[in-house]
Amino acid sequence: MGNESTRAAYRTHAAEYTRILGSVEDMHELDQQRIRRWAAGIDGQMIDAGCGPGHWTNYLH
């Protein structure tokens, strides 16, 4: 599988994942607050290594 076909397959499944499970913005406000508190304690860079469609990364950005 080439790079472009891998990206295309991931994009397809990322959209499906988000459609089924929702986004961080769809979560209860208390859960969003927990994520923000957790992120506030991070000192340095983070990596989102293939754990879903990148919705946490997008939210934290």
Protein backbone atom coordinates (compact mmCIF):
# COMPACT_ATOMS: atom_id res chain seq x y z
CA MET A 1 0.00 0.00 0.00
CA GLY A 2 1.51 3.34 -1.01
CA ASN A 3 1.54 6.48 1.09
CA GLU A 4 -1.39 8.10 -0.70
CA SER A 5 -3.58 4.99 -0.48
CA THR A 6 -2.72 4.71 3.23
CA ARG A 7 -3.71 8.35 3.78
CA ALA A 8 -6.95 7.85 1.85
CA ALA A 9 -7.86 4.77 3.87
CA TYR A 10 -7.11 6.60 7.13
CA ARG A 11 -9.20 9.62 6.09
CA THR A 12 -12.11 7.29 5.33
CA HIS A 13 -11.91 5.58 8.71
CA ALA A 14 -11.24 8.81 10.61
CA ALA A 15 -14.50 10.24 9.30
CA GLU A 16 -16.32 7.02 10.20
CA TYR A 17 -14.83 7.05 13.72
CA THR A 18 -15.89 10.66 14.28
CA ARG A 19 -19.33 10.00 12.82
CA ILE A 20 -19.88 7.05 15.18
CA LEU A 21 -18.22 8.32 18.38
CA GLY A 22 -18.49 12.07 17.92
CA SER A 23 -15.89 14.71 18.59
CA VAL A 24 -14.49 16.22 21.77
CA GLU A 25 -16.89 19.13 21.26
CA ASP A 26 -19.74 16.58 21.48
CA MET A 27 -18.57 15.44 24.92
CA HIS A 28 -20.11 16.67 28.14
CA GLU A 29 -18.63 19.97 29.35
CA LEU A 30 -17.19 18.26 32.45
CA ASP A 31 -15.24 15.85 30.23
CA GLN A 32 -13.96 18.76 28.17
CA GLN A 33 -12.85 20.47 31.39
CA ARG A 34 -10.98 17.31 32.44
CA ILE A 35 -9.15 17.26 29.13
CA ARG A 36 -8.21 20.94 29.47
CA ARG A 37 -6.96 20.43 33.05
CA TRP A 38 -4.92 17.42 31.96
CA ALA A 39 -3.43 19.35 29.03
CA ALA A 40 -2.58 22.33 31.25
CA GLY A 41 -0.23 20.05 33.19
CA ILE A 42 1.76 19.05 30.10
CA ASP A 43 5.14 20.73 29.78
CA GLY A 44 6.47 20.03 26.33
CA GLN A 45 5.30 18.54 23.09
CA MET A 46 2.75 15.76 22.66
CA ILE A 47 2.18 13.32 19.86
CA ASP A 48 -1.08 11.76 18.74
CA ALA A 49 0.16 8.44 17.45
CA GLY A 50 -2.75 6.91 15.62
CA CYS A 51 -5.22 6.80 18.49
CA GLY A 52 -8.35 7.65 16.56
CA PRO A 53 -9.01 10.42 14.06
CA GLY A 54 -6.92 13.07 15.83
CA HIS A 55 -9.90 14.67 17.55
CA TRP A 56 -8.00 15.27 20.82
CA THR A 57 -5.11 16.82 18.91
CA ASN A 58 -7.50 19.07 17.01
CA TYR A 59 -9.29 20.06 20.23
CA LEU A 60 -6.07 20.80 22.13
CA HIS A 61 -4.60 22.76 19.23
